[in-house]
Amino acid sequence: MWKNPENLTDHQRHKLAWIAKTDPRLYRAYLLKEGLRHVFAVGGQAGKEALQRWLAWAAHCRIPEFVKLAKTIRAERAAIHASLDHGLSNALIESTNTKIRLLTRLAFGFTHADALISLALLALGGYRPELPHRTHT
């Protein structure tokens, strides 16, 4: 259910077909997820039109989580349209935040915040200090 359809194995495709037959609500949730993914995959005007269709579908799907999501998207539609027009997102920022949280766990025993800052600079900042007695190839 988490994978994109093009990445499913044959076994997973059969499982998805089984879910479609045995649990229509769960399958509808999967299709809604894929519909929203499509909006951002196509972007631009086509993405805006797909989003409008998706919003109508989600508002009437009778799955409370998607109805709520549709309301949230409607409230943020201007920002989402800007993202669809320009292809911008906060994915890079979210990825960096996740990496910094991992570094924070690694630096747990350090006594000063400078150690965490140094780890972040080394891991994420592109900073590559010259080490003594090392030759560059």
Protein backbone atom coordinates (compact mmCIF):
# COMPACT_ATOMS: atom_id res chain seq x y z
CA MET A 1 0.00 0.00 0.00
CA TRP A 2 2.94 2.36 0.59
CA LYS A 3 4.72 1.58 -2.64
CA ASN A 4 4.10 3.35 -5.90
CA PRO A 5 2.21 1.11 -8.36
CA GLU A 6 5.13 0.97 -10.77
CA ASN A 7 7.34 -0.48 -8.00
CA LEU A 8 5.03 -3.33 -6.99
CA THR A 9 6.15 -6.90 -7.43
CA ASP A 10 3.80 -9.41 -9.05
CA HIS A 11 2.97 -10.81 -5.62
CA GLN A 12 2.15 -7.31 -4.33
CA ARG A 13 -0.05 -6.62 -7.38
CA HIS A 14 -2.02 -9.80 -6.64
CA LYS A 15 -2.34 -8.75 -3.01
CA LEU A 16 -3.61 -5.33 -4.08
CA ALA A 17 -6.17 -6.97 -6.37
CA TRP A 18 -7.27 -9.13 -3.45
CA ILE A 19 -7.63 -6.01 -1.25
CA ALA A 20 -9.73 -4.38 -3.99
CA LYS A 21 -12.15 -7.32 -3.82
CA THR A 22 -12.22 -7.86 -0.07
CA ASP A 23 -11.87 -4.35 1.40
CA PRO A 24 -13.21 -1.69 -0.97
CA ARG A 25 -12.75 1.10 1.57
CA LEU A 26 -9.05 0.33 2.03
CA TYR A 27 -8.62 0.09 -1.74
CA ARG A 28 -10.41 3.44 -2.17
CA ALA A 29 -7.94 4.96 0.34
CA TYR A 30 -5.09 3.55 -1.74
CA LEU A 31 -6.56 5.06 -4.91
CA LEU A 32 -7.00 8.42 -3.18
CA LYS A 33 -3.36 8.31 -2.10
CA GLU A 34 -2.32 7.54 -5.65
CA GLY A 35 -4.57 10.28 -7.01
CA LEU A 36 -2.92 12.86 -4.79
CA ARG A 37 0.52 11.57 -5.76
CA HIS A 38 -0.48 12.03 -9.41
CA VAL A 39 -1.36 15.69 -8.74
CA PHE A 40 2.21 16.44 -7.71
CA ALA A 41 3.76 14.17 -10.34
CA VAL A 42 2.18 16.09 -13.24
CA GLY A 43 2.32 19.56 -11.66
CA GLY A 44 1.41 22.78 -13.43
CA GLN A 45 -2.07 23.36 -14.83
CA ALA A 46 -2.66 19.61 -15.25
CA GLY A 47 -1.85 19.17 -11.56
CA LYS A 48 -4.29 21.93 -10.57
CA GLU A 49 -7.05 20.29 -12.61
CA ALA A 50 -6.22 16.88 -11.14
CA LEU A 51 -6.26 18.43 -7.67
CA GLN A 52 -9.73 19.86 -8.27
CA ARG A 53 -11.01 16.40 -9.29
CA TRP A 54 -9.24 14.82 -6.33
CA LEU A 55 -10.80 17.31 -3.90
CA ALA A 56 -14.30 16.51 -5.16
CA TRP A 57 -13.61 12.78 -4.86
CA ALA A 58 -12.04 13.04 -1.39
CA ALA A 59 -14.86 15.23 -0.05
CA HIS A 60 -17.40 12.52 -0.90
CA CYS A 61 -15.34 9.38 -0.23
CA ARG A 62 -16.79 8.75 3.26
CA ILE A 63 -13.32 8.18 4.72
CA PRO A 64 -13.03 10.75 7.53
CA GLU A 65 -9.28 11.15 7.22
CA PHE A 66 -9.49 12.01 3.53
CA VAL A 67 -12.47 14.31 4.04
CA LYS A 68 -10.41 16.19 6.64
CA LEU A 69 -7.38 16.23 4.35
CA ALA A 70 -9.50 17.67 1.54
CA LYS A 71 -10.63 20.49 3.85
CA THR A 72 -7.03 21.21 4.81
CA ILE A 73 -5.93 21.24 1.17
CA ARG A 74 -8.76 23.62 0.29
CA ALA A 75 -7.55 25.99 3.03
CA GLU A 76 -3.99 25.84 1.67
CA ARG A 77 -4.89 25.73 -2.02
CA ALA A 78 -3.02 28.93 -2.98
CA ALA A 79 0.26 27.61 -1.58
CA ILE A 80 -0.32 24.22 -3.20
CA HIS A 81 -1.02 25.86 -6.55
CA ALA A 82 2.24 27.81 -6.21
CA SER A 83 4.04 24.54 -5.50
CA LEU A 84 2.45 22.93 -8.56
CA ASP A 85 3.40 25.92 -10.73
CA HIS A 86 7.00 26.17 -9.57
CA GLY A 87 7.82 22.62 -8.50
CA LEU A 88 8.92 23.71 -5.05
CA SER A 89 8.37 21.81 -1.81
CA ASN A 90 9.77 21.59 1.68
CA ALA A 91 11.04 18.04 1.10
CA LEU A 92 14.71 19.09 1.31
CA ILE A 93 14.10 20.92 4.58
CA GLU A 94 12.21 17.93 6.04
CA SER A 95 15.02 15.60 4.98
CA THR A 96 17.63 17.85 6.58
CA ASN A 97 15.59 18.07 9.80
CA THR A 98 15.38 14.27 9.95
CA LYS A 99 19.15 13.98 9.52
CA ILE A 100 19.75 16.58 12.22
CA ARG A 101 17.48 14.65 14.62
CA LEU A 102 19.62 11.56 13.97
CA LEU A 103 22.79 13.55 14.62
CA THR A 104 21.24 14.85 17.86
CA ARG A 105 20.85 11.26 19.05
CA LEU A 106 24.46 10.53 18.07
CA ALA A 107 25.67 13.60 19.97
CA PHE A 108 23.64 12.79 23.08
CA GLY A 109 26.65 12.26 25.37
CA PHE A 110 28.50 15.39 24.26
CA THR A 111 28.72 18.15 26.84
CA HIS A 112 28.48 21.14 24.47
CA ALA A 113 26.17 22.08 21.62
CA ASP A 114 29.26 22.90 19.56
CA ALA A 115 29.80 19.17 19.07
CA LEU A 116 26.34 18.79 17.49
CA ILE A 117 26.92 21.84 15.31
CA SER A 118 30.26 20.41 14.17
CA LEU A 119 28.64 17.04 13.37
CA ALA A 120 25.92 18.81 11.36
CA LEU A 121 28.50 20.83 9.42
CA LEU A 122 30.52 17.73 8.63
CA ALA A 123 27.57 15.55 7.70
CA LEU A 124 25.31 18.07 5.97
CA GLY A 125 27.20 21.30 5.32
CA GLY A 126 29.63 20.15 2.69
CA TYR A 127 32.47 21.15 5.01
CA ARG A 128 35.52 18.96 4.43
CA PRO A 129 38.44 20.07 6.59
CA GLU A 130 41.92 18.97 5.67
CA LEU A 131 43.08 16.29 8.03
CA PRO A 132 46.69 16.15 9.17
CA HIS A 133 48.93 13.56 7.55
CA ARG A 134 46.41 12.79 4.78
CA THR A 135 47.13 13.10 1.11
CA HIS A 136 44.45 13.95 -1.38
CA THR A 137 44.06 11.83 -4.49
